[in-house]
Amino acid sequence: MTIQELYNEAKVEEFKSLIYLIEWLVFEKKVVSLESNANNIEYIIEKYKGQLNAYLIDYKTKVEGAASGLQFSEPKIDDLSVQ
Protein backbone atom coordinates (compact mmCIF):
# COMPACT_ATOMS: atom_id res chain seq x y z
CA MET A 1 0.00 0.00 0.00
CA THR A 2 1.27 3.47 -0.84
CA ILE A 3 1.02 6.55 1.33
CA GLN A 4 -1.41 7.97 -1.26
CA GLU A 5 -3.73 4.98 -0.74
CA LEU A 6 -3.44 5.31 3.04
CA TYR A 7 -4.15 9.04 2.77
CA ASN A 8 -7.24 8.40 0.64
CA GLU A 9 -8.55 5.88 3.19
CA ALA A 10 -7.86 8.29 6.05
CA LYS A 11 -9.87 10.98 4.22
CA VAL A 12 -12.82 8.62 3.67
CA GLU A 13 -12.77 7.42 7.28
CA GLU A 14 -12.05 10.95 8.60
CA PHE A 15 -8.96 9.91 10.58
CA LYS A 16 -7.79 13.46 11.17
CA SER A 17 -4.65 12.56 13.08
CA LEU A 18 -3.45 10.33 10.26
CA ILE A 19 -4.39 12.94 7.66
CA TYR A 20 -2.37 15.58 9.52
CA LEU A 21 0.56 13.20 9.96
CA ILE A 22 0.70 12.33 6.25
CA GLU A 23 0.30 15.94 5.14
CA TRP A 24 2.98 17.08 7.57
CA LEU A 25 5.44 14.38 6.45
CA VAL A 26 4.77 14.82 2.71
CA PHE A 27 4.20 18.57 2.34
CA GLU A 28 5.92 20.22 5.30
CA LYS A 29 8.92 18.00 6.04
CA LYS A 30 9.18 16.34 2.61
CA VAL A 31 10.63 13.15 4.12
CA VAL A 32 8.29 10.81 2.22
CA SER A 33 6.30 11.05 -0.99
CA LEU A 34 2.77 9.94 -1.73
CA GLU A 35 4.25 7.13 -3.80
CA SER A 36 6.28 5.79 -0.85
CA ASN A 37 5.34 2.58 0.90
CA ALA A 38 2.93 3.14 3.79
CA ASN A 39 5.27 1.12 6.03
CA ASN A 40 7.45 4.23 6.10
CA ILE A 41 4.74 5.92 8.18
CA GLU A 42 4.85 3.12 10.76
CA TYR A 43 8.64 3.38 10.95
CA ILE A 44 8.50 7.15 11.51
CA ILE A 45 5.82 6.79 14.18
CA GLU A 46 7.88 4.19 16.05
CA LYS A 47 11.14 6.07 15.78
CA TYR A 48 9.85 9.54 16.66
CA LYS A 49 6.69 8.83 18.66
CA GLY A 50 7.81 10.92 21.61
CA GLN A 51 8.24 14.01 19.43
CA LEU A 52 5.43 13.68 16.88
CA ASN A 53 2.57 14.95 19.03
CA ALA A 54 4.11 18.40 19.46
CA TYR A 55 4.83 18.68 15.73
CA LEU A 56 1.33 17.56 14.78
CA ILE A 57 -0.31 19.93 17.26
CA ASP A 58 1.59 22.81 15.64
CA TYR A 59 0.63 21.61 12.15
CA LYS A 60 -3.02 21.14 13.14
CA THR A 61 -3.10 24.67 14.56
CA LYS A 62 -1.61 25.97 11.31
CA VAL A 63 -4.15 24.10 9.15
CA GLU A 64 -7.15 24.96 11.31
CA GLY A 65 -5.97 28.56 11.43
CA ALA A 66 -6.33 28.63 7.64
CA ALA A 67 -9.96 27.64 8.03
CA SER A 68 -10.52 30.60 10.35
CA GLY A 69 -9.07 33.12 7.91
CA LEU A 70 -5.37 33.15 8.78
CA GLN A 71 -2.84 33.21 5.93
CA PHE A 72 -2.00 29.61 4.96
CA SER A 73 -2.71 27.69 1.83
CA GLU A 74 -3.38 24.03 2.45
CA PRO A 75 -1.91 21.77 -0.22
CA LYS A 76 -4.33 19.95 -2.47
CA ILE A 77 -3.44 16.42 -3.49
CA ASP A 78 -4.81 16.87 -7.02
CA ASP A 79 -2.60 19.90 -7.65
CA LEU A 80 0.66 18.22 -6.66
CA SER A 81 3.04 16.19 -8.69
CA VAL A 82 4.99 13.75 -6.58
CA GLN A 83 8.62 13.25 -7.50
C-alpha atoms as a PDB file:
ATOM      1  CA  MET A   1       0.000   0.000   0.000  1.00  0.00           C
ATOM      2  CA  THR A   2       1.271   3.471  -0.836  1.00  0.00           C
ATOM      3  CA  ILE A   3       1.020   6.551   1.327  1.00  0.00           C
ATOM      4  CA  GLN A   4      -1.415   7.967  -1.258  1.00  0.00           C
ATOM      5  CA  GLU A   5      -3.728   4.979  -0.744  1.00  0.00           C
ATOM      6  CA  LEU A   6      -3.438   5.310   3.038  1.00  0.00           C
ATOM      7  CA  TYR A   7      -4.148   9.044   2.773  1.00  0.00           C
ATOM      8  CA  ASN A   8      -7.243   8.396   0.640  1.00  0.00           C
ATOM      9  CA  GLU A   9      -8.547   5.879   3.188  1.00  0.00           C
ATOM     10  CA  ALA A  10      -7.861   8.290   6.048  1.00  0.00           C
ATOM     11  CA  LYS A  11      -9.866  10.978   4.223  1.00  0.00           C
ATOM     12  CA  VAL A  12     -12.815   8.617   3.668  1.00  0.00           C
ATOM     13  CA  GLU A  13     -12.775   7.417   7.282  1.00  0.00           C
ATOM     14  CA  GLU A  14     -12.053  10.945   8.602  1.00  0.00           C
ATOM     15  CA  PHE A  15      -8.963   9.910  10.582  1.00  0.00           C
ATOM     16  CA  LYS A  16      -7.789  13.464  11.169  1.00  0.00           C
ATOM     17  CA  SER A  17      -4.646  12.564  13.080  1.00  0.00           C
ATOM     18  CA  LEU A  18      -3.448  10.326  10.262  1.00  0.00           C
ATOM     19  CA  ILE A  19      -4.385  12.937   7.660  1.00  0.00           C
ATOM     20  CA  TYR A  20      -2.372  15.583   9.516  1.00  0.00           C
ATOM     21  CA  LEU A  21       0.559  13.203   9.956  1.00  0.00           C
ATOM     22  CA  ILE A  22       0.698  12.329   6.253  1.00  0.00           C
ATOM     23  CA  GLU A  23       0.296  15.944   5.135  1.00  0.00           C
ATOM     24  CA  TRP A  24       2.981  17.075   7.566  1.00  0.00           C
ATOM     25  CA  LEU A  25       5.444  14.383   6.454  1.00  0.00           C
ATOM     26  CA  VAL A  26       4.772  14.824   2.715  1.00  0.00           C
ATOM     27  CA  PHE A  27       4.202  18.568   2.340  1.00  0.00           C
ATOM     28  CA  GLU A  28       5.917  20.216   5.296  1.00  0.00           C
ATOM     29  CA  LYS A  29       8.919  18.000   6.042  1.00  0.00           C
ATOM     30  CA  LYS A  30       9.177  16.339   2.610  1.00  0.00           C
ATOM     31  CA  VAL A  31      10.626  13.155   4.122  1.00  0.00           C
ATOM     32  CA  VAL A  32       8.287  10.808   2.218  1.00  0.00           C
ATOM     33  CA  SER A  33       6.302  11.045  -0.988  1.00  0.00           C
ATOM     34  CA  LEU A  34       2.771   9.940  -1.733  1.00  0.00           C
ATOM     35  CA  GLU A  35       4.252   7.133  -3.798  1.00  0.00           C
ATOM     36  CA  SER A  36       6.281   5.786  -0.850  1.00  0.00           C
ATOM     37  CA  ASN A  37       5.345   2.577   0.896  1.00  0.00           C
ATOM     38  CA  ALA A  38       2.933   3.140   3.786  1.00  0.00           C
ATOM     39  CA  ASN A  39       5.268   1.121   6.032  1.00  0.00           C
ATOM     40  CA  ASN A  40       7.449   4.233   6.103  1.00  0.00           C
ATOM     41  CA  ILE A  41       4.743   5.925   8.183  1.00  0.00           C
ATOM     42  CA  GLU A  42       4.847   3.118  10.759  1.00  0.00           C
ATOM     43  CA  TYR A  43       8.643   3.381  10.948  1.00  0.00           C
ATOM     44  CA  ILE A  44       8.500   7.147  11.515  1.00  0.00           C
ATOM     45  CA  ILE A  45       5.816   6.793  14.184  1.00  0.00           C
ATOM     46  CA  GLU A  46       7.876   4.189  16.046  1.00  0.00           C
ATOM     47  CA  LYS A  47      11.142   6.071  15.778  1.00  0.00           C
ATOM     48  CA  TYR A  48       9.847   9.542  16.658  1.00  0.00           C
ATOM     49  CA  LYS A  49       6.694   8.827  18.656  1.00  0.00           C
ATOM     50  CA  GLY A  50       7.807  10.920  21.614  1.00  0.00           C
ATOM     51  CA  GLN A  51       8.238  14.010  19.431  1.00  0.00           C
ATOM     52  CA  LEU A  52       5.431  13.683  16.881  1.00  0.00           C
ATOM     53  CA  ASN A  53       2.570  14.955  19.033  1.00  0.00           C
ATOM     54  CA  ALA A  54       4.108  18.395  19.459  1.00  0.00           C
ATOM     55  CA  TYR A  55       4.827  18.677  15.726  1.00  0.00           C
ATOM     56  CA  LEU A  56       1.330  17.556  14.778  1.00  0.00           C
ATOM     57  CA  ILE A  57      -0.314  19.928  17.256  1.00  0.00           C
ATOM     58  CA  ASP A  58       1.586  22.806  15.636  1.00  0.00           C
ATOM     59  CA  TYR A  59       0.633  21.611  12.147  1.00  0.00           C
ATOM     60  CA  LYS A  60      -3.024  21.137  13.142  1.00  0.00           C
ATOM     61  CA  THR A  61      -3.099  24.666  14.557  1.00  0.00           C
ATOM     62  CA  LYS A  62      -1.613  25.970  11.314  1.00  0.00           C
ATOM     63  CA  VAL A  63      -4.153  24.102   9.154  1.00  0.00           C
ATOM     64  CA  GLU A  64      -7.145  24.961  11.306  1.00  0.00           C
ATOM     65  CA  GLY A  65      -5.971  28.562  11.426  1.00  0.00           C
ATOM     66  CA  ALA A  66      -6.329  28.626   7.641  1.00  0.00           C
ATOM     67  CA  ALA A  67      -9.963  27.638   8.032  1.00  0.00           C
ATOM     68  CA  SER A  68     -10.515  30.601  10.349  1.00  0.00           C
ATOM     69  CA  GLY A  69      -9.068  33.120   7.909  1.00  0.00           C
ATOM     70  CA  LEU A  70      -5.365  33.147   8.784  1.00  0.00           C
ATOM     71  CA  GLN A  71      -2.845  33.209   5.927  1.00  0.00           C
ATOM     72  CA  PHE A  72      -1.998  29.614   4.960  1.00  0.00           C
ATOM     73  CA  SER A  73      -2.709  27.686   1.827  1.00  0.00           C
ATOM     74  CA  GLU A  74      -3.376  24.033   2.452  1.00  0.00           C
ATOM     75  CA  PRO A  75      -1.908  21.768  -0.223  1.00  0.00           C
ATOM     76  CA  LYS A  76      -4.331  19.946  -2.472  1.00  0.00           C
ATOM     77  CA  ILE A  77      -3.445  16.415  -3.491  1.00  0.00           C
ATOM     78  CA  ASP A  78      -4.815  16.873  -7.022  1.00  0.00           C
ATOM     79  CA  ASP A  79      -2.597  19.901  -7.651  1.00  0.00           C
ATOM     80  CA  LEU A  80       0.656  18.223  -6.663  1.00  0.00           C
ATOM     81  CA  SER A  81       3.040  16.186  -8.687  1.00  0.00           C
ATOM     82  CA  VAL A  82       4.994  13.749  -6.579  1.00  0.00           C
ATOM     83  CA  GLN A  83       8.619  13.252  -7.501  1.00  0.00           C
END
